[in-house]
Amino acid sequence: METIAEQTQRNTEAIAQLAEQTQRNTEAIAQLAEQTQRNTEAIAVLTEQVQRLTEAVERHEAILTRHGELIEEDRKAIQSLRESMEQMRQHFTERIDALQEAMEQMRQHFTERIDALQESMEQMRRHFTRRIDDLAKQVGGLATTVGYTLENEAYKALPALLQRDYGLEVVGRLKRGYAVDPEGNEYEVNIFGEALLNGQPLTIIGESKAQLSKQAVDRFIRRKLRPLQRVYPHVFPIIITHMTTSRGVEEYARQQGIAVYYSYDF
């Protein structure tokens, strides 16, 4: 039989082993407690991170929701703007159509008025043309009458004046007449006659002017004297007038060899 000492020895060893196992368990429990504490802390940190993420997600959702609301508001505003623009387009289209119609009516109105005005102006032009023609005829007739009166007085007075001033002896009578050049051109001569100067025959060729100018003197020389000097070799030119346009006209004519007499000389 096993002795008490042996049994006690075994119990002591078992207790020692149990104590050792208990120590190991205590250490394991301490390690587990420490690990549990670390896990608890990690879970707390993770929980805080999750909370922050949740809050961030909620903020993002709120922002997205607001963005969605803003987008919807923008969409509605754009739609409203499109509708307003369409209304404005229709309004302006109507206004433009009305304006174009009014302008067309105005164009037609002004065209009619212009046509009527042109017709009226044409009638006035024809009327005034007739009046001017009549007036020109009257003035021409009056000028002719004045010219004839001046010439008629000259026919009677010139023979004595030419005798006195130039020693010319008029042969026959002075008159109106026509002369023809070698080419057959006919010239009207206001004062036409024959004279003698110291026995030499001369042809008197004269012009009558109500108002004498240098230009009229030049025209008389160019249009009458020069062509007729080819027909009549000895010409005595005369101009009779009521007055001159300037002080130097008479002297200018005399320098061209033309005798000048005024109506009051008659």
Protein backbone atom coordinates (compact mmCIF):
# COMPACT_ATOMS: atom_id res chain seq x y z
CA MET A 1 0.00 0.00 0.00
CA GLU A 2 1.02 3.42 -0.73
CA THR A 3 2.27 5.26 2.19
CA ILE A 4 0.90 8.52 3.49
CA ALA A 5 4.22 10.10 2.80
CA GLU A 6 4.08 9.14 -0.80
CA GLN A 7 0.55 10.31 -1.05
CA THR A 8 1.43 13.54 0.58
CA GLN A 9 4.35 13.92 -1.73
CA ARG A 10 2.15 13.43 -4.72
CA ASN A 11 -0.41 15.87 -3.37
CA THR A 12 2.31 18.37 -2.75
CA GLU A 13 3.54 17.99 -6.29
CA ALA A 14 -0.01 18.18 -7.58
CA ILE A 15 -0.62 21.32 -5.55
CA ALA A 16 2.62 22.74 -6.85
CA GLN A 17 1.57 21.91 -10.37
CA LEU A 18 -1.86 23.36 -9.70
CA ALA A 19 -0.29 26.49 -8.27
CA GLU A 20 1.93 26.72 -11.30
CA GLN A 21 -1.05 26.19 -13.59
CA THR A 22 -2.99 28.75 -11.61
CA GLN A 23 -0.14 31.17 -12.00
CA ARG A 24 -0.09 30.54 -15.70
CA ASN A 25 -3.86 30.97 -15.86
CA THR A 26 -3.59 34.17 -13.86
CA GLU A 27 -0.99 35.46 -16.27
CA ALA A 28 -3.11 34.35 -19.22
CA ILE A 29 -6.13 36.03 -17.67
CA ALA A 30 -4.08 39.16 -17.14
CA GLN A 31 -2.92 39.02 -20.75
CA LEU A 32 -6.49 38.41 -21.85
CA ALA A 33 -7.66 41.32 -19.73
CA GLU A 34 -4.94 43.47 -21.21
CA GLN A 35 -5.88 42.34 -24.74
CA THR A 36 -9.53 42.92 -23.92
CA GLN A 37 -8.65 46.44 -22.74
CA ARG A 38 -6.76 47.07 -25.94
CA ASN A 39 -9.65 45.68 -27.96
CA THR A 40 -12.05 47.83 -25.95
CA GLU A 41 -9.93 50.89 -26.64
CA ALA A 42 -9.63 49.94 -30.32
CA ILE A 43 -13.39 49.42 -30.47
CA ALA A 44 -13.87 52.84 -28.85
CA VAL A 45 -11.54 54.42 -31.41
CA LEU A 46 -13.27 52.54 -34.20
CA THR A 47 -16.64 53.56 -32.82
CA GLU A 48 -15.52 57.19 -32.78
CA GLN A 49 -14.24 56.88 -36.35
CA VAL A 50 -17.50 55.26 -37.40
CA GLN A 51 -19.37 58.10 -35.68
CA ARG A 52 -17.28 60.68 -37.50
CA LEU A 53 -17.80 58.82 -40.78
CA THR A 54 -21.52 58.65 -40.07
CA GLU A 55 -21.61 62.37 -39.35
CA ALA A 56 -19.57 63.06 -42.50
CA VAL A 57 -21.91 60.89 -44.54
CA GLU A 58 -24.88 62.72 -43.03
CA ARG A 59 -23.26 66.06 -43.88
CA HIS A 60 -22.53 64.85 -47.40
CA GLU A 61 -26.10 63.62 -47.72
CA ALA A 62 -27.32 67.01 -46.52
CA ILE A 63 -25.03 68.74 -49.01
CA LEU A 64 -26.16 66.43 -51.80
CA THR A 65 -29.76 67.02 -50.79
CA ARG A 66 -29.17 70.80 -50.91
CA HIS A 67 -27.39 70.46 -54.22
CA GLY A 68 -30.32 68.48 -55.51
CA GLU A 69 -32.67 71.19 -54.28
CA LEU A 70 -30.51 73.87 -55.91
CA ILE A 71 -30.35 71.87 -59.14
CA GLU A 72 -34.12 71.55 -59.09
CA GLU A 73 -34.46 75.27 -58.40
CA ASP A 74 -32.05 75.98 -61.28
CA ARG A 75 -34.01 73.65 -63.53
CA LYS A 76 -37.25 75.40 -62.64
CA ALA A 77 -35.59 78.82 -63.12
CA ILE A 78 -34.19 77.73 -66.50
CA GLN A 79 -37.59 76.40 -67.51
CA SER A 80 -39.22 79.65 -66.38
CA LEU A 81 -36.58 81.63 -68.29
CA ARG A 82 -37.19 79.53 -71.39
CA GLU A 83 -40.91 80.14 -71.10
CA SER A 84 -40.31 83.87 -70.61
CA MET A 85 -37.94 83.96 -73.58
CA GLU A 86 -40.50 82.11 -75.70
CA GLN A 87 -43.17 84.60 -74.64
CA MET A 88 -40.80 87.47 -75.43
CA ARG A 89 -39.96 85.88 -78.79
CA GLN A 90 -43.62 85.54 -79.64
CA HIS A 91 -44.26 89.09 -78.42
CA PHE A 92 -41.40 90.55 -80.45
CA THR A 93 -42.41 88.44 -83.45
CA GLU A 94 -45.89 89.90 -83.23
CA ARG A 95 -44.48 93.41 -82.74
CA ILE A 96 -42.07 92.98 -85.66
CA ASP A 97 -44.86 91.66 -87.87
CA ALA A 98 -47.04 94.60 -86.85
CA LEU A 99 -44.16 97.01 -87.42
CA GLN A 100 -43.42 95.52 -90.83
CA GLU A 101 -47.08 95.79 -91.74
CA ALA A 102 -47.17 99.40 -90.52
CA MET A 103 -43.98 100.18 -92.46
CA GLU A 104 -45.46 98.60 -95.58
CA GLN A 105 -48.58 100.70 -95.14
CA MET A 106 -46.40 103.78 -94.63
CA ARG A 107 -44.34 102.87 -97.71
CA GLN A 108 -47.47 102.50 -99.78
CA HIS A 109 -48.83 105.73 -98.34
CA PHE A 110 -45.63 107.64 -99.04
CA THR A 111 -45.37 106.04 -102.48
CA GLU A 112 -48.86 107.28 -103.26
CA ARG A 113 -48.04 110.69 -101.79
CA ILE A 114 -44.77 110.87 -103.73
CA ASP A 115 -46.51 109.82 -106.94
CA ALA A 116 -49.17 112.45 -106.32
CA LEU A 117 -46.50 115.01 -105.47
CA GLN A 118 -44.51 114.13 -108.59
CA GLU A 119 -47.65 114.46 -110.67
CA SER A 120 -48.42 117.78 -109.00
CA MET A 121 -44.85 118.96 -109.54
CA GLU A 122 -45.02 117.85 -113.18
CA GLN A 123 -48.23 119.83 -113.60
CA MET A 124 -46.61 122.81 -111.90
CA ARG A 125 -43.53 122.40 -114.09
CA ARG A 126 -45.64 122.36 -117.24
CA HIS A 127 -47.64 125.32 -115.95
CA PHE A 128 -44.56 127.37 -115.06
CA THR A 129 -42.85 126.31 -118.28
CA ARG A 130 -45.78 127.70 -120.21
CA ARG A 131 -45.78 130.82 -118.04
CA ILE A 132 -42.02 131.23 -118.47
CA ASP A 133 -42.33 130.68 -122.20
CA ASP A 134 -45.11 133.26 -122.32
CA LEU A 135 -43.06 135.61 -120.17
CA ALA A 136 -40.00 135.01 -122.33
CA LYS A 137 -42.06 135.80 -125.38
CA GLN A 138 -43.35 138.94 -123.71
CA VAL A 139 -39.87 139.95 -122.57
CA GLY A 140 -38.50 139.05 -125.97
CA GLY A 141 -41.22 141.08 -127.58
CA LEU A 142 -40.55 143.95 -125.22
CA ALA A 143 -36.81 143.70 -125.87
CA THR A 144 -37.50 143.61 -129.57
CA THR A 145 -39.74 146.64 -129.25
CA VAL A 146 -37.10 148.47 -127.20
CA GLY A 147 -34.44 147.42 -129.70
CA TYR A 148 -36.54 148.51 -132.64
CA THR A 149 -37.30 151.82 -130.96
CA LEU A 150 -33.61 152.40 -130.31
CA GLU A 151 -32.71 151.43 -133.87
CA ASN A 152 -35.50 153.57 -135.38
CA GLU A 153 -34.21 156.60 -133.52
CA ALA A 154 -30.65 155.76 -134.59
CA TYR A 155 -31.57 155.59 -138.28
CA LYS A 156 -32.67 159.21 -138.13
CA ALA A 157 -29.94 160.59 -135.83
CA LEU A 158 -26.81 158.71 -136.92
CA PRO A 159 -26.22 160.37 -140.31
CA ALA A 160 -25.71 163.77 -138.66
CA LEU A 161 -23.71 162.29 -135.74
CA LEU A 162 -21.40 160.32 -138.04
CA GLN A 163 -20.88 163.40 -140.20
CA ARG A 164 -20.06 165.45 -137.13
CA ASP A 165 -17.81 162.96 -135.33
CA TYR A 166 -16.11 161.03 -138.16
CA GLY A 167 -16.74 163.03 -141.36
CA LEU A 168 -18.81 160.18 -142.81
CA GLU A 169 -21.43 160.97 -145.42
CA VAL A 170 -24.23 158.42 -145.28
CA VAL A 171 -25.39 157.43 -148.75
CA GLY A 172 -29.08 156.67 -148.92
CA ARG A 173 -30.68 155.62 -145.64
CA LEU A 174 -29.74 153.36 -142.77
CA LYS A 175 -31.93 150.30 -142.26
CA ARG A 176 -32.19 146.80 -140.91
CA GLY A 177 -30.95 144.19 -143.29
CA TYR A 178 -29.29 140.86 -143.97
CA ALA A 179 -25.82 140.07 -145.27
CA VAL A 180 -24.56 136.76 -146.69
CA ASP A 181 -20.99 135.47 -146.45
CA PRO A 182 -19.21 133.45 -149.18
CA GLU A 183 -20.41 130.19 -147.62
CA GLY A 184 -24.01 131.32 -147.86
CA ASN A 185 -24.48 132.00 -144.16
CA GLU A 186 -26.99 134.75 -143.50
CA TYR A 187 -26.45 137.43 -140.85
CA GLU A 188 -29.02 139.84 -139.47
CA VAL A 189 -27.61 143.37 -139.27
CA ASN A 190 -29.38 145.87 -136.99
CA ILE A 191 -27.88 148.96 -138.66
CA PHE A 192 -26.94 148.48 -142.26
CA GLY A 193 -25.99 151.15 -144.81
CA GLU A 194 -23.44 152.74 -147.11
CA ALA A 195 -21.25 155.82 -146.49
CA LEU A 196 -18.36 157.77 -147.97
CA LEU A 197 -15.24 158.87 -146.10
CA ASN A 198 -13.11 161.25 -148.15
CA GLY A 199 -14.63 159.71 -151.25
CA GLN A 200 -13.90 156.10 -150.17
CA PRO A 201 -16.99 153.89 -149.91
CA LEU A 202 -17.63 152.21 -146.53
CA THR A 203 -20.20 149.72 -145.31
CA ILE A 204 -21.84 150.60 -141.99
CA ILE A 205 -22.52 147.52 -139.86
CA GLY A 206 -24.08 148.22 -136.51
CA GLU A 207 -25.48 146.40 -133.50
CA SER A 208 -28.01 147.60 -130.93
CA LYS A 209 -27.81 146.56 -127.27
CA ALA A 210 -30.07 147.67 -124.45
CA GLN A 211 -27.11 147.29 -122.06
CA LEU A 212 -23.62 146.98 -123.49
CA SER A 213 -20.91 144.78 -121.91
CA LYS A 214 -17.41 143.77 -122.94
CA GLN A 215 -18.72 140.30 -123.69
CA ALA A 216 -21.33 141.80 -126.05
CA VAL A 217 -18.57 143.75 -127.80
CA ASP A 218 -16.54 140.55 -128.27
CA ARG A 219 -19.58 138.65 -129.57
CA PHE A 220 -20.33 141.44 -132.08
CA ILE A 221 -16.75 141.26 -133.36
CA ARG A 222 -16.69 137.46 -133.47
CA ARG A 223 -20.17 136.81 -134.87
CA LYS A 224 -20.74 139.79 -137.19
CA LEU A 225 -17.67 141.84 -138.01
CA ARG A 226 -15.14 139.14 -138.78
CA PRO A 227 -17.42 137.06 -141.03
CA LEU A 228 -18.76 140.12 -142.87
CA GLN A 229 -15.34 141.72 -143.32
CA ARG A 230 -14.71 138.96 -145.85
CA VAL A 231 -17.69 140.29 -147.82
CA TYR A 232 -17.25 144.02 -147.24
CA PRO A 233 -13.56 145.02 -147.25
CA HIS A 234 -14.15 148.46 -145.73
CA VAL A 235 -16.45 148.24 -142.71
CA PHE A 236 -17.36 150.98 -140.27
CA PRO A 237 -18.67 149.26 -137.10
CA ILE A 238 -21.17 150.94 -134.76
CA ILE A 239 -22.85 149.89 -131.51
CA ILE A 240 -25.81 151.80 -130.10
CA THR A 241 -27.02 151.27 -126.53
CA HIS A 242 -28.94 152.76 -123.64
CA MET A 243 -26.10 152.19 -121.15
CA THR A 244 -23.03 150.07 -120.37
CA THR A 245 -22.56 147.46 -117.67
CA SER A 246 -19.38 149.13 -116.36
CA ARG A 247 -17.35 152.28 -116.82
CA GLY A 248 -14.65 150.81 -119.07
CA VAL A 249 -16.94 149.21 -121.66
CA GLU A 250 -17.17 152.23 -123.98
CA GLU A 251 -13.39 152.69 -124.01
CA TYR A 252 -12.95 148.96 -124.62
CA ALA A 253 -15.25 149.12 -127.67
CA ARG A 254 -13.51 152.20 -129.06
CA GLN A 255 -10.14 150.42 -128.67
CA GLN A 256 -11.55 147.71 -130.96
CA GLY A 257 -12.33 150.41 -133.56
CA ILE A 258 -16.06 150.49 -132.86
CA ALA A 259 -18.04 153.74 -132.64
CA VAL A 260 -20.39 153.85 -129.62
CA TYR A 261 -23.53 155.99 -129.37
CA TYR A 262 -26.09 156.19 -126.56
CA SER A 263 -29.84 156.61 -126.91
CA TYR A 264 -29.63 160.03 -125.31
CA ASP A 265 -27.32 161.10 -128.18
CA PHE A 266 -30.32 160.81 -130.46
